[in-house]
PDB file of N, CA and C in Angstrom:
ATOM      1  N   MET A   1     -63.938 -15.446-200.819  1.00  0.00           N
ATOM      2  CA  MET A   1     -63.993 -15.224-202.767  1.00  0.00           C
ATOM      3  C   MET A   1     -63.056 -15.978-203.337  1.00  0.00           C
ATOM      4  N   GLY A   2     -63.357 -16.084-204.768  1.00  0.00           N
ATOM      5  CA  GLY A   2     -62.566 -17.240-205.570  1.00  0.00           C
ATOM      6  C   GLY A   2     -62.746 -17.874-205.894  1.00  0.00           C
ATOM      7  N   TYR A   3     -62.620 -19.033-206.686  1.00  0.00           N
ATOM      8  CA  TYR A   3     -63.179 -19.844-207.505  1.00  0.00           C
ATOM      9  C   TYR A   3     -64.063 -21.059-206.579  1.00  0.00           C
ATOM     10  N   ALA A   4     -65.305 -21.205-207.500  1.00  0.00           N
ATOM     11  CA  ALA A   4     -66.533 -21.984-206.612  1.00  0.00           C
ATOM     12  C   ALA A   4     -66.855 -23.180-207.288  1.00  0.00           C
ATOM     13  N   VAL A   5     -67.176 -24.151-206.992  1.00  0.00           N
ATOM     14  CA  VAL A   5     -68.027 -25.023-207.553  1.00  0.00           C
ATOM     15  C   VAL A   5     -69.416 -24.450-206.768  1.00  0.00           C
ATOM     16  N   ALA A   6     -70.306 -24.374-207.660  1.00  0.00           N
ATOM     17  CA  ALA A   6     -71.535 -24.547-207.467  1.00  0.00           C
ATOM     18  C   ALA A   6     -72.521 -25.168-207.947  1.00  0.00           C
ATOM     19  N   GLU A   7     -73.838 -25.213-206.971  1.00  0.00           N
ATOM     20  CA  GLU A   7     -74.999 -26.376-207.537  1.00  0.00           C
ATOM     21  C   GLU A   7     -75.977 -25.409-207.421  1.00  0.00           C
ATOM     22  N   THR A   8     -77.081 -25.332-208.967  1.00  0.00           N
ATOM     23  CA  THR A   8     -78.200 -25.309-208.694  1.00  0.00           C
ATOM     24  C   THR A   8     -79.018 -25.750-208.071  1.00  0.00           C
ATOM     25  N   LEU A   9     -79.875 -24.189-207.537  1.00  0.00           N
ATOM     26  CA  LEU A   9     -81.179 -24.538-206.721  1.00  0.00           C
ATOM     27  C   LEU A   9     -82.306 -25.016-207.113  1.00  0.00           C
ATOM     28  N   GLN A  10     -82.494 -24.335-208.012  1.00  0.00           N
ATOM     29  CA  GLN A  10     -83.806 -24.101-208.922  1.00  0.00           C
ATOM     30  C   GLN A  10     -83.425 -23.646-210.397  1.00  0.00           C
ATOM     31  N   ASN A  11     -84.484 -24.213-211.318  1.00  0.00           N
ATOM     32  CA  ASN A  11     -84.250 -23.235-213.011  1.00  0.00           C
ATOM     33  C   ASN A  11     -83.793 -21.926-213.059  1.00  0.00           C
ATOM     34  N   SER A  12     -83.366 -21.355-213.786  1.00  0.00           N
ATOM     35  CA  SER A  12     -82.870 -19.608-214.260  1.00  0.00           C
ATOM     36  C   SER A  12     -83.086 -19.696-216.019  1.00  0.00           C
ATOM     37  N   ILE A  13     -82.643 -18.809-216.047  1.00  0.00           N
ATOM     38  CA  ILE A  13     -82.620 -18.293-217.979  1.00  0.00           C
ATOM     39  C   ILE A  13     -81.458 -19.290-218.231  1.00  0.00           C
ATOM     40  N   LEU A  14     -80.346 -19.050-216.857  1.00  0.00           N
ATOM     41  CA  LEU A  14     -79.009 -19.696-217.373  1.00  0.00           C
ATOM     42  C   LEU A  14     -78.600 -21.523-217.351  1.00  0.00           C
ATOM     43  N   ALA A  15     -79.884 -22.054-216.232  1.00  0.00           N
ATOM     44  CA  ALA A  15     -79.121 -23.832-216.027  1.00  0.00           C
ATOM     45  C   ALA A  15     -80.721 -23.870-215.512  1.00  0.00           C
ATOM     46  N   ARG A  16     -80.692 -25.386-215.194  1.00  0.00           N
ATOM     47  CA  ARG A  16     -81.438 -26.254-214.828  1.00  0.00           C
ATOM     48  C   ARG A  16     -81.054 -26.593-213.671  1.00  0.00           C
ATOM     49  N   LYS A  17     -82.136 -26.935-212.618  1.00  0.00           N
ATOM     50  CA  LYS A  17     -82.250 -27.527-210.841  1.00  0.00           C
ATOM     51  C   LYS A  17     -80.686 -28.557-211.131  1.00  0.00           C
ATOM     52  N   GLY A  18     -79.838 -28.696-210.369  1.00  0.00           N
ATOM     53  CA  GLY A  18     -78.724 -29.436-210.012  1.00  0.00           C
ATOM     54  C   GLY A  18     -77.997 -29.552-210.727  1.00  0.00           C
ATOM     55  N   GLU A  19     -77.300 -28.651-211.422  1.00  0.00           N
ATOM     56  CA  GLU A  19     -76.344 -28.483-212.349  1.00  0.00           C
ATOM     57  C   GLU A  19     -75.013 -28.203-211.713  1.00  0.00           C
ATOM     58  N   ARG A  20     -74.365 -28.410-211.655  1.00  0.00           N
ATOM     59  CA  ARG A  20     -72.952 -27.748-210.914  1.00  0.00           C
ATOM     60  C   ARG A  20     -72.091 -27.183-212.282  1.00  0.00           C
ATOM     61  N   LEU A  21     -71.607 -25.897-211.513  1.00  0.00           N
ATOM     62  CA  LEU A  21     -71.114 -25.091-212.208  1.00  0.00           C
ATOM     63  C   LEU A  21     -69.801 -24.586-211.628  1.00  0.00           C
ATOM     64  N   ARG A  22     -69.275 -23.717-212.494  1.00  0.00           N
ATOM     65  CA  ARG A  22     -67.939 -23.636-211.851  1.00  0.00           C
ATOM     66  C   ARG A  22     -67.692 -22.287-212.403  1.00  0.00           C
ATOM     67  N   GLY A  23     -67.296 -21.043-211.525  1.00  0.00           N
ATOM     68  CA  GLY A  23     -67.074 -19.969-211.443  1.00  0.00           C
ATOM     69  C   GLY A  23     -66.301 -19.194-210.713  1.00  0.00           C
ATOM     70  N   HIS A  24     -66.556 -17.986-210.718  1.00  0.00           N
ATOM     71  CA  HIS A  24     -65.531 -16.966-209.561  1.00  0.00           C
ATOM     72  C   HIS A  24     -66.531 -16.275-208.501  1.00  0.00           C
ATOM     73  N   LEU A  25     -66.499 -16.271-207.639  1.00  0.00           N
ATOM     74  CA  LEU A  25     -66.783 -15.029-206.656  1.00  0.00           C
ATOM     75  C   LEU A  25     -66.032 -14.201-206.184  1.00  0.00           C
ATOM     76  N   PHE A  26     -66.896 -12.886-206.501  1.00  0.00           N
ATOM     77  CA  PHE A  26     -65.832 -11.685-206.426  1.00  0.00           C
ATOM     78  C   PHE A  26     -66.482 -10.653-205.269  1.00  0.00           C
ATOM     79  N   HIS A  27     -67.652 -11.000-205.046  1.00  0.00           N
ATOM     80  CA  HIS A  27     -68.329 -10.441-203.260  1.00  0.00           C
ATOM     81  C   HIS A  27     -68.929 -11.350-202.805  1.00  0.00           C
ATOM     82  N   TRP A  28     -69.705 -10.479-201.802  1.00  0.00           N
ATOM     83  CA  TRP A  28     -70.533 -12.245-200.664  1.00  0.00           C
ATOM     84  C   TRP A  28     -71.419 -11.143-199.722  1.00  0.00           C
ATOM     85  N   SER A  29     -72.501 -11.322-199.632  1.00  0.00           N
ATOM     86  CA  SER A  29     -73.521 -11.116-198.446  1.00  0.00           C
ATOM     87  C   SER A  29     -74.805 -12.110-198.372  1.00  0.00           C
ATOM     88  N   LYS A  30     -74.844 -11.522-197.138  1.00  0.00           N
ATOM     89  CA  LYS A  30     -76.224 -12.506-196.457  1.00  0.00           C
ATOM     90  C   LYS A  30     -77.662 -11.655-196.793  1.00  0.00           C
ATOM     91  N   LEU A  31     -78.666 -11.659-197.292  1.00  0.00           N
ATOM     92  CA  LEU A  31     -79.751 -11.246-197.912  1.00  0.00           C
ATOM     93  C   LEU A  31     -81.252 -11.872-196.707  1.00  0.00           C
ATOM     94  N   PRO A  32     -81.920 -12.040-195.297  1.00  0.00           N
ATOM     95  CA  PRO A  32     -82.394 -12.368-194.628  1.00  0.00           C
ATOM     96  C   PRO A  32     -83.523 -12.578-195.585  1.00  0.00           C
ATOM     97  N   GLY A  33     -83.916 -14.190-195.528  1.00  0.00           N
ATOM     98  CA  GLY A  33     -85.415 -14.351-195.947  1.00  0.00           C
ATOM     99  C   GLY A  33     -85.529 -14.297-197.215  1.00  0.00           C
ATOM    100  N   LEU A  34     -84.298 -14.861-198.212  1.00  0.00           N
ATOM    101  CA  LEU A  34     -84.238 -14.906-199.255  1.00  0.00           C
ATOM    102  C   LEU A  34     -83.599 -16.357-199.474  1.00  0.00           C
ATOM    103  N   THR A  35     -83.201 -17.171-198.308  1.00  0.00           N
ATOM    104  CA  THR A  35     -83.303 -18.453-198.778  1.00  0.00           C
ATOM    105  C   THR A  35     -84.100 -19.614-199.406  1.00  0.00           C
ATOM    106  N   GLU A  36     -85.437 -19.263-199.420  1.00  0.00           N
ATOM    107  CA  GLU A  36     -85.779 -20.213-200.454  1.00  0.00           C
ATOM    108  C   GLU A  36     -86.105 -19.705-201.876  1.00  0.00           C
ATOM    109  N   ARG A  37     -85.624 -18.727-202.120  1.00  0.00           N
ATOM    110  CA  ARG A  37     -84.833 -18.101-203.508  1.00  0.00           C
ATOM    111  C   ARG A  37     -83.539 -17.900-203.658  1.00  0.00           C
ATOM    112  N   ALA A  38     -82.737 -18.715-203.113  1.00  0.00           N
ATOM    113  CA  ALA A  38     -81.528 -18.826-203.444  1.00  0.00           C
ATOM    114  C   ALA A  38     -81.293 -19.465-204.865  1.00  0.00           C
ATOM    115  N   ALA A  39     -80.529 -18.741-205.771  1.00  0.00           N
ATOM    116  CA  ALA A  39     -80.105 -19.333-206.969  1.00  0.00           C
ATOM    117  C   ALA A  39     -78.654 -20.890-206.580  1.00  0.00           C
ATOM    118  N   TYR A  40     -78.014 -20.665-205.921  1.00  0.00           N
ATOM    119  CA  TYR A  40     -76.816 -21.807-205.906  1.00  0.00           C
ATOM    120  C   TYR A  40     -76.843 -21.601-204.267  1.00  0.00           C
ATOM    121  N   ARG A  41     -75.827 -23.497-204.287  1.00  0.00           N
ATOM    122  CA  ARG A  41     -74.943 -23.357-203.207  1.00  0.00           C
ATOM    123  C   ARG A  41     -74.190 -23.400-203.833  1.00  0.00           C
ATOM    124  N   ILE A  42     -73.137 -22.769-202.913  1.00  0.00           N
ATOM    125  CA  ILE A  42     -71.454 -22.870-203.114  1.00  0.00           C
ATOM    126  C   ILE A  42     -70.772 -23.930-202.185  1.00  0.00           C
ATOM    127  N   LEU A  43     -70.561 -25.178-203.141  1.00  0.00           N
ATOM    128  CA  LEU A  43     -69.882 -26.020-202.610  1.00  0.00           C
ATOM    129  C   LEU A  43     -68.780 -25.903-202.043  1.00  0.00           C
ATOM    130  N   GLU A  44     -67.892 -25.325-203.182  1.00  0.00           N
ATOM    131  CA  GLU A  44     -66.344 -25.380-202.433  1.00  0.00           C
ATOM    132  C   GLU A  44     -65.974 -23.846-202.937  1.00  0.00           C
ATOM    133  N   PRO A  45     -65.330 -23.241-202.385  1.00  0.00           N
ATOM    134  CA  PRO A  45     -64.506 -23.467-201.855  1.00  0.00           C
ATOM    135  C   PRO A  45     -65.340 -24.155-199.676  1.00  0.00           C
ATOM    136  N   GLU A  46     -66.127 -23.138-199.778  1.00  0.00           N
ATOM    137  CA  GLU A  46     -67.189 -22.980-198.447  1.00  0.00           C
ATOM    138  C   GLU A  46     -68.413 -23.470-198.891  1.00  0.00           C
ATOM    139  N   GLU A  47     -69.305 -24.280-198.308  1.00  0.00           N
ATOM    140  CA  GLU A  47     -70.747 -23.804-198.631  1.00  0.00           C
ATOM    141  C   GLU A  47     -71.231 -23.197-197.976  1.00  0.00           C
ATOM    142  N   GLN A  48     -72.477 -22.742-198.779  1.00  0.00           N
ATOM    143  CA  GLN A  48     -73.391 -21.072-198.417  1.00  0.00           C
ATOM    144  C   GLN A  48     -73.857 -21.060-199.835  1.00  0.00           C
ATOM    145  N   LEU A  49     -74.813 -20.511-199.313  1.00  0.00           N
ATOM    146  CA  LEU A  49     -76.135 -20.090-200.434  1.00  0.00           C
ATOM    147  C   LEU A  49     -75.846 -18.690-200.656  1.00  0.00           C
ATOM    148  N   GLU A  50     -75.766 -18.630-202.141  1.00  0.00           N
ATOM    149  CA  GLU A  50     -75.898 -17.530-202.959  1.00  0.00           C
ATOM    150  C   GLU A  50     -76.585 -17.179-204.001  1.00  0.00           C
ATOM    151  N   GLY A  51     -76.870 -15.899-204.735  1.00  0.00           N
ATOM    152  CA  GLY A  51     -77.768 -15.478-205.481  1.00  0.00           C
ATOM    153  C   GLY A  51     -79.117 -15.511-204.741  1.00  0.00           C
ATOM    154  N   PHE A  52     -80.019 -14.805-206.261  1.00  0.00           N
ATOM    155  CA  PHE A  52     -81.562 -14.962-205.903  1.00  0.00           C
ATOM    156  C   PHE A  52     -82.054 -15.468-207.405  1.00  0.00           C
ATOM    157  N   ILE A  53     -83.358 -16.030-207.531  1.00  0.00           N
ATOM    158  CA  ILE A  53     -83.800 -16.121-208.209  1.00  0.00           C
ATOM    159  C   ILE A  53     -85.326 -15.518-208.166  1.00  0.00           C
ATOM    160  N   LEU A  54     -86.045 -14.404-208.857  1.00  0.00           N
ATOM    161  CA  LEU A  54     -87.314 -14.442-208.754  1.00  0.00           C
ATOM    162  C   LEU A  54     -88.460 -15.019-209.622  1.00  0.00           C
ATOM    163  N   GLY A  55     -89.172 -16.148-208.969  1.00  0.00           N
ATOM    164  CA  GLY A  55     -89.980 -16.842-209.654  1.00  0.00           C
ATOM    165  C   GLY A  55     -89.521 -17.792-211.127  1.00  0.00           C
ATOM    166  N   PRO A  56     -90.346 -19.105-210.875  1.00  0.00           N
ATOM    167  CA  PRO A  56     -90.264 -19.783-211.979  1.00  0.00           C
ATOM    168  C   PRO A  56     -90.464 -19.505-213.486  1.00  0.00           C
ATOM    169  N   GLU A  57     -91.084 -17.588-213.095  1.00  0.00           N
ATOM    170  CA  GLU A  57     -91.738 -17.887-214.887  1.00  0.00           C
ATOM    171  C   GLU A  57     -90.525 -16.595-215.027  1.00  0.00           C
ATOM    172  N   SER A  58     -90.075 -16.337-214.393  1.00  0.00           N
ATOM    173  CA  SER A  58     -89.118 -15.186-214.257  1.00  0.00           C
ATOM    174  C   SER A  58     -87.953 -14.724-215.003  1.00  0.00           C
ATOM    175  N   ASN A  59     -87.578 -13.546-215.616  1.00  0.00           N
ATOM    176  CA  ASN A  59     -85.777 -13.662-215.940  1.00  0.00           C
ATOM    177  C   ASN A  59     -85.184 -12.860-215.345  1.00  0.00           C
ATOM    178  N   VAL A  60     -84.847 -12.637-213.721  1.00  0.00           N
ATOM    179  CA  VAL A  60     -84.245 -11.956-212.930  1.00  0.00           C
ATOM    180  C   VAL A  60     -83.255 -13.168-212.413  1.00  0.00           C
ATOM    181  N   LEU A  61     -82.116 -13.461-212.474  1.00  0.00           N
ATOM    182  CA  LEU A  61     -81.211 -13.659-211.669  1.00  0.00           C
ATOM    183  C   LEU A  61     -80.072 -12.633-211.216  1.00  0.00           C
ATOM    184  N   GLY A  62     -80.321 -12.682-209.768  1.00  0.00           N
ATOM    185  CA  GLY A  62     -79.188 -12.320-209.491  1.00  0.00           C
ATOM    186  C   GLY A  62     -78.003 -12.693-208.866  1.00  0.00           C
ATOM    187  N   SER A  63     -76.568 -12.338-208.812  1.00  0.00           N
ATOM    188  CA  SER A  63     -75.557 -13.471-208.538  1.00  0.00           C
ATOM    189  C   SER A  63     -74.287 -12.798-208.155  1.00  0.00           C
ATOM    190  N   TYR A  64     -73.410 -12.793-207.600  1.00  0.00           N
ATOM    191  CA  TYR A  64     -72.143 -12.585-207.398  1.00  0.00           C
ATOM    192  C   TYR A  64     -71.047 -13.737-208.047  1.00  0.00           C
ATOM    193  N   LEU A  65     -71.851 -14.466-208.622  1.00  0.00           N
ATOM    194  CA  LEU A  65     -70.761 -15.664-209.156  1.00  0.00           C
ATOM    195  C   LEU A  65     -70.876 -15.418-210.232  1.00  0.00           C
ATOM    196  N   HIS A  66     -69.595 -15.312-210.649  1.00  0.00           N
ATOM    197  CA  HIS A  66     -69.454 -14.773-212.192  1.00  0.00           C
ATOM    198  C   HIS A  66     -69.050 -16.541-212.668  1.00  0.00           C
ATOM    199  N   LEU A  67     -69.898 -17.095-213.639  1.00  0.00           N
ATOM    200  CA  LEU A  67     -69.922 -18.275-214.206  1.00  0.00           C
ATOM    201  C   LEU A  67     -68.772 -18.596-215.227  1.00  0.00           C
ATOM    202  N   HIS A  68     -67.959 -19.751-215.470  1.00  0.00           N
ATOM    203  CA  HIS A  68     -67.383 -19.962-216.246  1.00  0.00           C
ATOM    204  C   HIS A  68     -68.027 -20.657-217.246  1.00  0.00           C
ATOM    205  N   PHE A  69     -68.346 -20.120-218.921  1.00  0.00           N
ATOM    206  CA  PHE A  69     -69.263 -20.283-219.411  1.00  0.00           C
ATOM    207  C   PHE A  69     -68.356 -21.828-220.253  1.00  0.00           C
ATOM    208  N   GLY A  70     -67.154 -21.631-220.383  1.00  0.00           N
ATOM    209  CA  GLY A  70     -66.527 -22.788-220.465  1.00  0.00           C
ATOM    210  C   GLY A  70     -66.033 -23.878-220.525  1.00  0.00           C
ATOM    211  N   SER A  71     -67.103 -23.983-218.763  1.00  0.00           N
ATOM    212  CA  SER A  71     -66.826 -25.228-218.409  1.00  0.00           C
ATOM    213  C   SER A  71     -68.002 -25.724-218.245  1.00  0.00           C
ATOM    214  N   GLU A  72     -68.944 -25.332-219.134  1.00  0.00           N
ATOM    215  CA  GLU A  72     -70.485 -25.692-219.048  1.00  0.00           C
ATOM    216  C   GLU A  72     -71.240 -25.022-220.083  1.00  0.00           C
ATOM    217  N   PRO A  73     -70.942 -25.695-221.480  1.00  0.00           N
ATOM    218  CA  PRO A  73     -71.325 -25.312-222.604  1.00  0.00           C
ATOM    219  C   PRO A  73     -72.804 -24.987-222.684  1.00  0.00           C
ATOM    220  N   SER A  74     -73.860 -26.005-221.999  1.00  0.00           N
ATOM    221  CA  SER A  74     -75.127 -25.381-221.594  1.00  0.00           C
ATOM    222  C   SER A  74     -75.692 -24.333-221.356  1.00  0.00           C
ATOM    223  N   LEU A  75     -74.409 -23.473-220.792  1.00  0.00           N
ATOM    224  CA  LEU A  75     -75.252 -22.404-220.397  1.00  0.00           C
ATOM    225  C   LEU A  75     -75.372 -21.436-221.202  1.00  0.00           C
ATOM    226  N   ALA A  76     -74.277 -21.152-222.239  1.00  0.00           N
ATOM    227  CA  ALA A  76     -74.535 -20.244-223.444  1.00  0.00           C
ATOM    228  C   ALA A  76     -75.793 -20.736-224.260  1.00  0.00           C
ATOM    229  N   ARG A  77     -76.093 -22.136-224.394  1.00  0.00           N
ATOM    230  CA  ARG A  77     -77.560 -22.372-225.127  1.00  0.00           C
ATOM    231  C   ARG A  77     -78.988 -22.326-224.001  1.00  0.00           C
ATOM    232  N   GLN A  78     -78.597 -22.154-223.397  1.00  0.00           N
ATOM    233  CA  GLN A  78     -79.691 -22.091-221.972  1.00  0.00           C
ATOM    234  C   GLN A  78     -80.054 -20.609-221.849  1.00  0.00           C
ATOM    235  N   PHE A  79     -79.077 -19.775-222.012  1.00  0.00           N
ATOM    236  CA  PHE A  79     -79.692 -18.243-222.257  1.00  0.00           C
ATOM    237  C   PHE A  79     -79.987 -17.947-223.267  1.00  0.00           C
ATOM    238  N   VAL A  80     -79.904 -18.210-224.507  1.00  0.00           N
ATOM    239  CA  VAL A  80     -80.010 -17.792-225.742  1.00  0.00           C
ATOM    240  C   VAL A  80     -81.390 -18.323-226.090  1.00  0.00           C
ATOM    241  N   GLU A  81     -81.612 -19.483-225.309  1.00  0.00           N
ATOM    242  CA  GLU A  81     -83.323 -20.530-225.181  1.00  0.00           C
ATOM    243  C   GLU A  81     -84.019 -19.153-223.941  1.00  0.00           C
ATOM    244  N   SER A  82     -83.631 -19.244-223.183  1.00  0.00           N
ATOM    245  CA  SER A  82     -84.381 -18.007-222.397  1.00  0.00           C
ATOM    246  C   SER A  82     -84.834 -16.876-222.467  1.00  0.00           C
ATOM    247  N   CYS A  83     -84.016 -16.002-223.408  1.00  0.00           N
ATOM    248  CA  CYS A  83     -84.770 -15.334-224.136  1.00  0.00           C
ATOM    249  C   CYS A  83     -85.208 -14.905-225.201  1.00  0.00           C
ATOM    250  N   THR A  84     -85.030 -16.396-226.232  1.00  0.00           N
ATOM    251  CA  THR A  84     -86.059 -16.194-227.211  1.00  0.00           C
ATOM    252  C   THR A  84     -87.470 -16.295-226.549  1.00  0.00           C
ATOM    253  N   GLN A  85     -87.641 -17.474-225.918  1.00  0.00           N
ATOM    254  CA  GLN A  85     -88.796 -17.891-224.770  1.00  0.00           C
ATOM    255  C   GLN A  85     -89.234 -16.458-224.525  1.00  0.00           C
ATOM    256  N   TRP A  86     -88.816 -15.633-223.380  1.00  0.00           N
ATOM    257  CA  TRP A  86     -89.023 -13.889-223.380  1.00  0.00           C
ATOM    258  C   TRP A  86     -89.214 -13.347-223.979  1.00  0.00           C
ATOM    259  N   ALA A  87     -88.862 -13.275-225.159  1.00  0.00           N
ATOM    260  CA  ALA A  87     -89.167 -12.101-225.968  1.00  0.00           C
ATOM    261  C   ALA A  87     -90.618 -12.631-226.917  1.00  0.00           C
ATOM    262  N   ASN A  88     -91.110 -13.872-226.848  1.00  0.00           N
ATOM    263  CA  ASN A  88     -92.041 -14.697-227.441  1.00  0.00           C
ATOM    264  C   ASN A  88     -93.531 -14.727-226.772  1.00  0.00           C
ATOM    265  N   ARG A  89     -93.220 -14.397-225.156  1.00  0.00           N
ATOM    266  CA  ARG A  89     -93.875 -14.807-224.402  1.00  0.00           C
ATOM    267  C   ARG A  89     -95.283 -13.524-224.604  1.00  0.00           C
ATOM    268  N   GLU A  90     -96.487 -13.865-224.008  1.00  0.00           N
ATOM    269  CA  GLU A  90     -97.987 -13.273-224.784  1.00  0.00           C
ATOM    270  C   GLU A  90     -97.833 -12.528-223.385  1.00  0.00           C
ATOM    271  N   ILE A  91     -97.942 -11.185-223.339  1.00  0.00           N
ATOM    272  CA  ILE A  91     -98.036 -10.622-222.135  1.00  0.00           C
ATOM    273  C   ILE A  91     -99.760 -10.409-222.370  1.00  0.00           C
ATOM    274  N   LEU A  92    -100.325 -10.911-220.864  1.00  0.00           N
ATOM    275  CA  LEU A  92    -101.963 -10.394-220.704  1.00  0.00           C
ATOM    276  C   LEU A  92    -101.643  -9.117-220.192  1.00  0.00           C
ATOM    277  N   CYS A  93    -103.445  -8.441-220.225  1.00  0.00           N
ATOM    278  CA  CYS A  93    -103.366  -7.107-219.652  1.00  0.00           C
ATOM    279  C   CYS A  93    -105.026  -7.105-219.573  1.00  0.00           C
TER     280      CYS A  93
END
């Protein structure tokens, strides 16, 4: 727990795969079977997988990592773009 540096493992509503982000971890847990859905690889202070994303077209991102939006201004822009895309999606019934 504490301040962390993370690398995104897949695209999400906040960031694109491969981006390095800073934040604060305030809890942790292990969810067996979700490694392929992990949102982040925590690089510092200790390497571990963190968070999860449900599918590439999903707006679900769960994480204990509180991202510092001031450390990466594109986070807010990506979030607004994701919300706009989700609101404008076609719902197939």
